[in-house]
Protein backbone atom coordinates (compact mmCIF):
# COMPACT_ATOMS: atom_id res chain seq x y z
CA MET A 1 -39.00 -21.59 28.28
CA ILE A 2 -35.73 -21.93 30.08
CA LYS A 3 -33.94 -24.60 28.26
CA LYS A 4 -35.32 -22.34 25.36
CA PHE A 5 -33.41 -19.39 26.83
CA VAL A 6 -30.37 -21.06 27.28
CA TYR A 7 -30.43 -22.94 23.72
CA SER A 8 -30.98 -19.32 21.97
CA GLN A 9 -27.89 -17.91 24.23
CA LYS A 10 -25.59 -20.53 23.07
CA VAL A 11 -26.88 -20.43 19.19
CA ALA A 12 -27.24 -16.81 18.79
CA PRO A 13 -23.11 -16.03 18.83
CA TYR A 14 -22.89 -18.80 15.75
CA VAL A 15 -25.80 -17.15 13.98
CA PHE A 16 -23.85 -14.01 14.11
CA VAL A 17 -20.91 -15.37 13.06
CA LEU A 18 -21.85 -17.40 10.37
CA PRO A 19 -22.39 -14.87 7.57
CA PHE A 20 -19.15 -13.33 7.97
CA ILE A 21 -17.70 -17.12 7.26
CA LEU A 22 -19.84 -17.63 4.44
CA ILE A 23 -18.34 -14.21 3.20
CA PHE A 24 -14.75 -15.34 4.09
CA LEU A 25 -15.51 -18.68 2.36
CA ILE A 26 -17.27 -17.11 -0.80
CA PHE A 27 -15.32 -13.84 -1.65
CA TRP A 28 -11.84 -15.08 -0.41
CA SER A 29 -10.97 -18.70 0.08
CA TYR A 30 -13.08 -19.92 -3.30
CA PRO A 31 -11.01 -17.23 -5.66
CA LEU A 32 -7.83 -18.05 -4.13
CA ALA A 33 -8.25 -21.75 -4.24
CA ASN A 34 -9.44 -21.25 -7.77
CA SER A 35 -6.50 -18.82 -8.90
CA PHE A 36 -4.36 -21.34 -7.56
CA VAL A 37 -5.63 -24.28 -9.53
CA MET A 38 -5.80 -22.11 -12.65
CA SER A 39 -1.91 -20.91 -12.18
CA PHE A 40 -1.47 -24.99 -13.04
CA GLN A 41 -3.38 -24.51 -16.23
CA ASP A 42 -3.16 -23.21 -20.04
CA ARG A 43 -6.52 -21.32 -19.61
CA MET A 44 -8.14 -18.91 -21.67
CA LEU A 45 -11.67 -17.28 -21.98
CA GLY A 46 -13.74 -19.39 -24.05
CA GLN A 47 -11.70 -22.53 -24.15
CA ASP A 48 -11.40 -25.56 -22.21
CA PRO A 49 -8.81 -25.67 -19.64
CA LYS A 50 -5.54 -27.70 -20.17
CA TRP A 51 -3.49 -28.78 -17.17
CA ILE A 52 0.34 -27.79 -17.84
CA GLY A 53 1.92 -28.57 -14.13
CA GLU A 54 4.23 -25.91 -12.80
CA ALA A 55 5.03 -24.75 -16.58
CA ASN A 56 3.70 -21.06 -15.86
CA TYR A 57 5.73 -20.85 -13.01
CA SER A 58 8.91 -22.01 -14.80
CA LYS A 59 8.33 -19.44 -17.52
CA LEU A 60 7.51 -16.69 -15.16
CA PHE A 61 10.93 -16.65 -13.23
CA THR A 62 12.64 -16.32 -16.71
CA ASP A 63 10.27 -13.79 -18.17
CA LYS A 64 12.55 -10.37 -18.60
CA VAL A 65 9.59 -8.15 -18.30
CA PHE A 66 8.18 -10.08 -14.99
CA LEU A 67 11.41 -9.60 -13.18
CA THR A 68 11.13 -5.64 -14.40
CA ALA A 69 7.63 -5.62 -12.96
CA ILE A 70 8.73 -7.18 -9.45
CA LYS A 71 11.54 -4.75 -9.49
CA ASN A 72 9.33 -1.81 -10.04
CA SER A 73 7.09 -2.84 -7.36
CA VAL A 74 9.47 -3.42 -4.82
CA VAL A 75 11.43 -0.29 -5.30
CA TYR A 76 7.69 1.61 -5.19
CA MET A 77 7.32 -0.05 -1.71
CA LEU A 78 10.11 0.46 -0.25
CA GLY A 79 10.23 4.19 -1.43
CA THR A 80 6.44 4.60 0.26
CA LEU A 81 7.64 2.87 3.31
CA VAL A 82 10.61 5.45 3.49
CA LEU A 83 8.30 8.54 2.97
CA LEU A 84 4.98 7.38 4.21
CA ILE A 85 5.89 6.20 7.84
CA PRO A 86 8.27 8.71 9.37
CA PHE A 87 6.96 12.04 7.78
CA PRO A 88 3.25 11.37 8.63
CA MET A 89 4.28 10.54 12.45
CA LEU A 90 6.41 13.70 12.59
CA PHE A 91 2.96 15.59 11.07
CA ALA A 92 0.92 13.94 13.34
CA VAL A 93 3.13 14.87 16.40
CA MET A 94 3.33 18.58 15.17
CA ILE A 95 -0.77 18.87 14.74
CA ASN A 96 -1.06 17.09 18.08
CA SER A 97 1.12 19.70 20.28
CA LYS A 98 -0.94 22.12 22.07
CA LEU A 99 1.53 24.99 20.45
CA MET A 100 0.19 24.25 17.02
CA VAL A 101 -2.28 26.69 15.57
CA GLY A 102 -4.85 25.75 12.89
CA ARG A 103 -4.53 22.13 13.90
CA GLU A 104 -8.15 21.34 12.38
CA PHE A 105 -7.44 23.05 8.90
CA PHE A 106 -3.96 21.29 8.44
CA LYS A 107 -5.53 18.06 9.36
CA SER A 108 -8.30 18.23 6.62
CA SER A 109 -5.75 19.96 4.02
CA PHE A 110 -3.63 16.65 4.41
CA PHE A 111 -6.49 14.46 4.16
CA LEU A 112 -8.52 15.65 1.76
CA PRO A 113 -6.17 14.43 -1.30
CA ALA A 114 -7.14 10.91 -0.17
CA LEU A 115 -10.69 11.76 -1.30
CA THR A 116 -9.79 12.63 -4.79
CA SER A 117 -10.36 9.97 -7.39
CA VAL A 118 -7.02 7.90 -8.38
CA ALA A 119 -8.20 8.68 -12.22
CA VAL A 120 -8.42 12.13 -11.70
CA ALA A 121 -4.98 12.39 -9.40
CA GLY A 122 -3.16 10.22 -11.96
CA THR A 123 -4.17 12.45 -14.76
CA ILE A 124 -3.28 15.67 -13.15
CA PHE A 125 0.14 14.48 -11.97
CA ARG A 126 0.78 13.01 -15.90
CA LEU A 127 0.17 16.72 -16.86
CA THR A 128 2.07 18.11 -13.94
CA PHE A 129 5.15 15.89 -14.87
CA GLY A 130 4.68 16.10 -18.81
CA GLU A 131 7.61 16.46 -21.03
CA MET A 132 6.30 19.69 -22.56
CA GLU A 133 7.93 23.04 -21.71
CA GLY A 134 4.51 23.99 -20.81
CA SER A 135 4.05 21.55 -18.13
CA LEU A 136 3.97 22.63 -14.69
CA MET A 137 6.85 20.91 -13.39
CA ASN A 138 9.19 22.12 -16.27
CA SER A 139 7.74 25.79 -16.14
CA PHE A 140 8.79 25.43 -12.48
CA LEU A 141 12.35 24.11 -13.18
CA GLY A 142 13.10 26.77 -16.04
CA LEU A 143 12.43 29.55 -13.37
CA PHE A 144 16.03 27.99 -12.11
CA GLY A 145 17.34 27.73 -15.83
CA VAL A 146 16.56 23.77 -15.62
CA GLU A 147 16.21 22.28 -19.16
CA PRO A 148 13.02 20.32 -19.63
CA ILE A 149 13.07 17.12 -18.36
CA LYS A 150 11.41 14.18 -19.82
CA PHE A 151 9.80 12.73 -16.40
CA LEU A 152 7.56 9.86 -17.83
CA LYS A 153 10.33 8.26 -20.18
CA ASP A 154 13.36 7.94 -17.52
CA GLY A 155 13.03 5.25 -15.01
CA GLU A 156 14.27 7.04 -12.06
CA TRP A 157 12.31 10.38 -12.95
CA SER A 158 9.24 8.20 -13.39
CA MET A 159 9.56 6.35 -10.06
CA ALA A 160 10.00 9.81 -8.45
CA ALA A 161 6.95 11.19 -10.04
CA LEU A 162 5.03 7.97 -8.60
CA LEU A 163 6.44 8.60 -5.06
CA ILE A 164 5.37 12.01 -5.14
CA LEU A 165 2.07 11.12 -6.25
CA ALA A 166 1.67 8.44 -3.51
CA CYS A 167 2.88 11.21 -0.79
CA TRP A 168 0.23 13.69 -2.13
CA ARG A 169 -2.75 10.97 -1.64
CA TRP A 170 -1.52 9.21 1.39
CA THR A 171 0.29 11.19 4.17
CA GLY A 172 -2.94 12.51 5.55
CA VAL A 173 -4.46 9.11 5.83
CA ASN A 174 -1.24 7.65 7.70
CA MET A 175 -1.20 10.95 9.75
CA LEU A 176 -4.58 10.08 10.92
CA TYR A 177 -3.65 6.80 12.03
CA TYR A 178 -0.87 8.03 14.09
CA LEU A 179 -2.88 10.73 15.60
CA SER A 180 -5.52 8.13 16.72
CA GLY A 181 -2.21 6.46 18.22
CA LEU A 182 -1.16 9.46 19.97
CA LYS A 183 -4.65 10.01 21.49
CA SER A 184 -4.36 6.69 23.46
CA ILE A 185 -0.88 7.96 25.32
CA ASP A 186 -1.33 8.95 28.42
CA ASN A 187 -0.51 12.47 28.87
CA GLU A 188 1.20 11.71 32.56
CA TYR A 189 4.24 10.13 30.62
CA TYR A 190 5.20 13.59 29.00
CA GLU A 191 4.42 15.39 32.54
CA ALA A 192 6.90 12.98 34.38
CA ALA A 193 9.55 13.54 31.36
CA SER A 194 9.13 17.01 31.77
CA ILE A 195 9.96 17.15 35.47
CA ASP A 196 12.79 15.38 34.79
CA GLY A 197 14.08 17.85 32.62
CA ALA A 198 13.76 15.79 29.19
CA SER A 199 13.79 17.58 25.99
CA ALA A 200 11.27 17.37 23.61
CA TRP A 201 13.35 15.01 21.23
CA GLN A 202 14.20 12.77 24.24
CA LYS A 203 10.30 12.76 24.84
CA PHE A 204 9.67 11.70 21.25
CA ARG A 205 12.31 8.67 21.10
CA ALA A 206 11.62 7.25 24.42
CA ILE A 207 7.82 7.74 25.08
CA THR A 208 6.32 8.65 21.93
CA MET A 209 7.84 6.45 19.21
CA PRO A 210 7.63 3.10 21.53
CA LEU A 211 4.14 3.66 22.40
CA LEU A 212 3.33 4.22 18.73
CA LYS A 213 4.77 0.82 17.55
CA PRO A 214 1.41 -0.87 17.21
CA THR A 215 0.63 2.13 14.66
CA THR A 216 3.85 1.72 13.07
CA ILE A 217 3.36 -2.16 12.63
CA TYR A 218 -0.29 -1.52 11.09
CA VAL A 219 1.04 1.30 8.79
CA THR A 220 3.43 -0.69 7.67
CA THR A 221 1.49 -3.73 6.77
CA ILE A 222 -0.83 -2.07 4.82
CA SER A 223 1.87 -0.17 3.01
CA VAL A 224 3.52 -3.36 2.10
CA TYR A 225 0.65 -4.40 0.43
CA ALA A 226 -0.33 -1.14 -1.12
CA GLY A 227 3.14 -0.42 -2.46
CA LEU A 228 2.77 -4.22 -4.15
CA ALA A 229 -0.40 -3.76 -5.46
CA MET A 230 0.15 -0.52 -6.92
CA PHE A 231 -1.61 -0.46 -10.57
CA THR A 232 -4.10 2.52 -11.04
CA GLU A 233 -1.56 5.32 -10.55
CA SER A 234 0.57 3.98 -12.71
CA LEU A 235 -2.04 3.41 -15.64
CA MET A 236 -3.24 6.88 -15.26
CA MET A 237 0.21 8.41 -15.05
CA PHE A 238 1.36 6.63 -18.11
CA ASN A 239 -1.99 6.87 -20.01
CA GLY A 240 -1.96 3.40 -20.28
CA ASN A 241 -0.44 -0.13 -19.34
CA ASN A 242 2.63 0.27 -21.96
CA SER A 243 5.00 2.72 -20.26
CA PRO A 244 8.20 3.55 -22.41
CA LYS A 245 10.57 0.35 -21.69
CA ASN A 246 8.13 -0.79 -19.09
CA ILE A 247 9.57 1.77 -16.70
CA GLY A 248 5.76 1.87 -14.98
CA LEU A 249 4.84 -1.70 -14.95
CA THR A 250 4.13 -3.13 -11.92
CA ILE A 251 3.04 -6.82 -10.71
CA VAL A 252 -0.54 -5.96 -11.22
CA GLY A 253 -0.12 -3.83 -14.38
CA TYR A 254 1.66 -7.22 -15.63
CA LEU A 255 -0.76 -9.27 -14.24
CA TYR A 256 -3.67 -7.34 -16.25
CA ARG A 257 -1.27 -7.22 -19.52
CA GLN A 258 -1.43 -10.84 -19.32
CA GLY A 259 -5.06 -12.02 -18.13
CA ILE A 260 -7.10 -9.29 -19.51
CA GLU A 261 -5.11 -7.79 -22.49
CA LYS A 262 -3.68 -11.23 -23.80
CA ASN A 263 -6.41 -13.59 -22.50
CA LYS A 264 -3.71 -16.07 -20.60
CA LEU A 265 -5.65 -16.48 -17.59
CA GLY A 266 -3.47 -19.28 -15.96
CA TYR A 267 -0.56 -17.15 -16.55
CA ALA A 268 -2.03 -14.20 -14.82
CA ALA A 269 -3.12 -16.55 -12.03
CA ALA A 270 0.47 -17.50 -11.52
CA VAL A 271 1.75 -13.57 -11.56
CA GLY A 272 -1.38 -13.27 -8.88
CA ILE A 273 -0.18 -16.35 -6.68
CA VAL A 274 3.39 -14.81 -6.78
CA LEU A 275 2.34 -11.61 -5.67
CA LEU A 276 0.34 -12.96 -2.80
CA VAL A 277 3.67 -15.05 -1.84
CA ILE A 278 5.93 -11.97 -2.01
CA ALA A 279 3.34 -9.79 0.03
CA MET A 280 2.87 -12.50 2.67
CA VAL A 281 6.70 -13.20 2.83
CA ILE A 282 7.67 -9.40 3.54
CA ASN A 283 4.63 -8.98 6.04
CA LEU A 284 4.97 -11.84 8.35
CA THR A 285 8.73 -11.53 8.17
CA GLN A 286 8.40 -7.71 9.35
CA LEU A 287 5.41 -9.11 11.89
CA LYS A 288 8.17 -11.62 13.27
CA LEU A 289 10.92 -8.94 13.49
CA SER A 290 8.68 -6.56 15.37
CA GLY A 291 8.12 -9.24 18.02
CA MET A 292 3.84 -9.08 17.27
CA PHE A 293 4.07 -13.06 17.40
CA LYS A 294 5.73 -13.32 20.55
CA LYS A 295 3.53 -14.77 23.79
CA GLU A 296 3.05 -12.77 26.54
CA GLU A 297 4.52 -13.94 29.26
CA ASP A 298 2.57 -14.18 32.80
């Protein structure tokens, strides 16, 4: 009985971990390996694959439309980093303040857009930024004598519209991440700083920001991936995957165009691998620069 008990104690952890290993292999490792192999093939649905080596990649990096998609995705990703990290942090600090009135109301108000379907949100914003004079944004600008703007036919204006949509949907989510981080900061640090005569800005700079570093790194990591993988917002905003002069085309949108619309599965797989590499390089670089890979000193 004792031997059986000891044996069960040793085996139990492995039995618990086994399902997660299987899930990892089936739903991540196998699709990734299969996509990598497909990227070296001329593959179409209903036809036998043909091995063509690195031809897909050679074609990819001379494809001007793909380079446009990369530029759009990178600009969008950088815009979300600039807007969806500092502002949610400041909002979280303000809401966490004891002097803030109606904190629960503001938390709910900021988070509510995240519960809205991307399709619904994209459609609403497409109508808001429509080129007609009766659209909400042009009606508002008309109050100040501004002529109607074709937001969704101009590259800079359309990117601004996509970033406004991103801020509307995700500010509340990132704010909740920072609120969770603020809860882990001991209030004694602030009390000691108050005794030393520190101002609110000095407390924020010397206490809040450094201790929120793990939260900031996490938010940055997921924001990089989310920015590069954005697709549905653009699809709904431009009412399809064919925006004027590809001003709203993203990397995932280009993957969809090649793989689903044109049935070029091998070429689309190469697009997906390049997207994975770009996301990994950016995230690994920012994790390295932030010191996440440094070994803790004894």
